[in-house]
Amino acid sequence: QVQFVESGGGLVQPGGSLRFPCAASGFTFRRYALNWYRQAPGKERELVAAISAAGDSTKYADSVKGRFTITRDNAKRTVYLQMNSLKPEDTAVYFCNTPYGVIRENYWGQGTQVTVTS
C-alpha cells in the first residue's frame, strides 16, 4: 500500500524557518521524481517544489524560489522541504507526492499544516 506521511509543520512567525519530512512507502521510491504541494483554505492545490529521482535536479514555484529548498534521501525514502523567510501567504497544508500517474491520482497523505502569523 502506497503511503505518504508528512510531519513537522507548525506555527511560525513571519521571517521564520521550518524543515519537515515526508516519508513514503509502498513503491520504489528511488525511481520516482517527487513534488511538494500546498493547499491554502479556499484555494486550489499548487505545486511548490520538485526534485528528480536522483535528487540532482530541482524546480520551484516563483513564489518560493530562493526561500524553499527540496531535498531527498533515497536510503531513508524521505523527501524534505526547508522553508526560510516564511510569509503569511505560505500558510497552507503541505503534501508530498509524485508528479503524475496512478500514485498521484490515488494516494495522498494527511499533509502537514504550516501557519505563518505574528
Protein backbone atom coordinates (compact mmCIF):
# COMPACT_ATOMS: atom_id res chain seq x y z
CA GLN A 1 0.00 0.00 0.00
CA VAL A 2 1.36 3.39 -1.02
CA GLN A 3 1.66 5.82 1.87
CA PHE A 4 2.91 9.36 2.33
CA VAL A 5 3.38 10.66 5.87
CA GLU A 6 4.09 14.36 6.16
CA SER A 7 5.03 15.74 9.57
CA GLY A 8 6.74 18.61 11.34
CA GLY A 9 4.61 21.56 10.36
CA GLY A 10 3.61 24.14 12.91
CA LEU A 11 3.07 27.73 13.86
CA VAL A 12 5.87 30.12 12.97
CA GLN A 13 6.34 33.88 12.85
CA PRO A 14 6.97 35.75 9.60
CA GLY A 15 10.62 35.51 8.68
CA GLY A 16 10.99 32.20 10.46
CA SER A 17 12.02 28.77 9.19
CA LEU A 18 10.74 25.23 9.17
CA ARG A 19 12.09 21.99 7.81
CA PHE A 20 9.92 18.93 7.58
CA PRO A 21 9.96 15.45 6.10
CA CYS A 22 7.65 13.31 4.07
CA ALA A 23 8.22 9.58 4.49
CA ALA A 24 7.00 7.39 1.66
CA SER A 25 6.39 3.66 1.34
CA GLY A 26 4.75 1.12 -0.93
CA PHE A 27 6.59 1.96 -4.14
CA THR A 28 10.15 2.05 -5.48
CA PHE A 29 11.00 5.44 -4.03
CA ARG A 30 14.35 5.93 -5.77
CA ARG A 31 12.77 5.64 -9.23
CA TYR A 32 10.31 8.49 -8.82
CA ALA A 33 10.58 12.24 -9.03
CA LEU A 34 8.74 13.86 -6.15
CA ASN A 35 6.95 17.12 -5.56
CA TRP A 36 5.84 19.19 -2.61
CA TYR A 37 2.39 20.71 -2.99
CA ARG A 38 0.38 23.02 -0.78
CA GLN A 39 -3.24 23.96 -0.41
CA ALA A 40 -4.43 27.07 1.36
CA PRO A 41 -8.01 27.46 2.58
CA GLY A 42 -10.35 28.16 -0.32
CA LYS A 43 -7.62 27.74 -2.91
CA GLU A 44 -6.55 25.09 -5.37
CA ARG A 45 -3.64 22.82 -4.56
CA GLU A 46 -0.46 24.20 -6.09
CA LEU A 47 2.98 22.85 -6.87
CA VAL A 48 5.68 24.27 -4.62
CA ALA A 49 8.85 22.34 -5.41
CA ALA A 50 10.03 19.37 -7.44
CA ILE A 51 13.03 17.07 -7.29
CA SER A 52 14.26 14.43 -9.71
CA ALA A 53 14.53 10.76 -8.82
CA ALA A 54 18.28 11.02 -8.27
CA GLY A 55 17.98 14.32 -6.44
CA ASP A 56 20.22 16.16 -8.89
CA SER A 57 17.61 18.49 -10.35
CA THR A 58 15.13 20.75 -8.60
CA LYS A 59 12.50 23.29 -9.60
CA TYR A 60 10.48 25.79 -7.61
CA ALA A 61 7.37 27.88 -7.92
CA ASP A 62 8.23 31.53 -8.43
CA SER A 63 6.54 32.39 -5.15
CA VAL A 64 9.03 30.31 -3.13
CA LYS A 65 12.18 30.47 -5.25
CA GLY A 66 15.17 31.46 -3.19
CA ARG A 67 13.36 30.71 0.09
CA PHE A 68 12.48 27.00 -0.09
CA THR A 69 14.75 24.03 -0.73
CA ILE A 70 13.66 20.50 -1.59
CA THR A 71 15.97 17.57 -0.89
CA ARG A 72 15.64 13.81 -0.64
CA ASP A 73 17.31 10.83 0.97
CA ASN A 74 16.60 7.74 -1.10
CA ALA A 75 18.08 5.43 1.53
CA LYS A 76 15.53 6.73 4.04
CA ARG A 77 12.72 7.00 1.49
CA THR A 78 12.15 10.56 2.63
CA VAL A 79 11.81 13.93 0.91
CA TYR A 80 12.31 17.18 2.82
CA LEU A 81 11.22 20.77 2.47
CA GLN A 82 13.32 23.51 4.04
CA MET A 83 11.36 26.75 4.26
CA ASN A 84 13.09 30.02 5.11
CA SER A 85 11.92 33.64 5.26
CA LEU A 86 8.37 32.46 5.72
CA LYS A 87 5.49 34.76 4.85
CA PRO A 88 1.83 34.70 5.91
CA GLU A 89 0.92 33.68 2.37
CA ASP A 90 2.88 30.47 2.87
CA THR A 91 0.17 29.34 5.28
CA ALA A 92 -1.25 26.09 3.91
CA VAL A 93 -1.35 22.34 4.29
CA TYR A 94 1.73 20.84 2.66
CA PHE A 95 1.73 17.46 0.90
CA CYS A 96 4.26 15.40 -0.97
CA ASN A 97 3.52 13.13 -3.92
CA THR A 98 4.73 12.04 -7.32
CA PRO A 99 4.30 14.46 -10.24
CA TYR A 100 1.70 12.39 -12.13
CA GLY A 101 0.31 8.91 -12.66
CA VAL A 102 -1.51 6.26 -10.69
CA ILE A 103 0.16 7.07 -7.37
CA ARG A 104 -0.71 10.75 -7.54
CA GLU A 105 -4.26 10.01 -8.66
CA ASN A 106 -4.99 7.60 -5.84
CA TYR A 107 -2.76 8.15 -2.82
CA TRP A 108 -2.37 11.27 -0.70
CA GLY A 109 -1.20 11.71 2.85
CA GLN A 110 -2.81 13.85 5.52
CA GLY A 111 -0.42 16.68 4.91
CA THR A 112 1.15 18.91 7.50
CA GLN A 113 -0.22 22.31 8.48
CA VAL A 114 2.03 25.35 8.30
CA THR A 115 0.71 28.57 9.77
CA VAL A 116 2.73 31.77 9.45
CA THR A 117 1.44 34.50 11.71
CA SER A 118 2.66 37.09 14.16
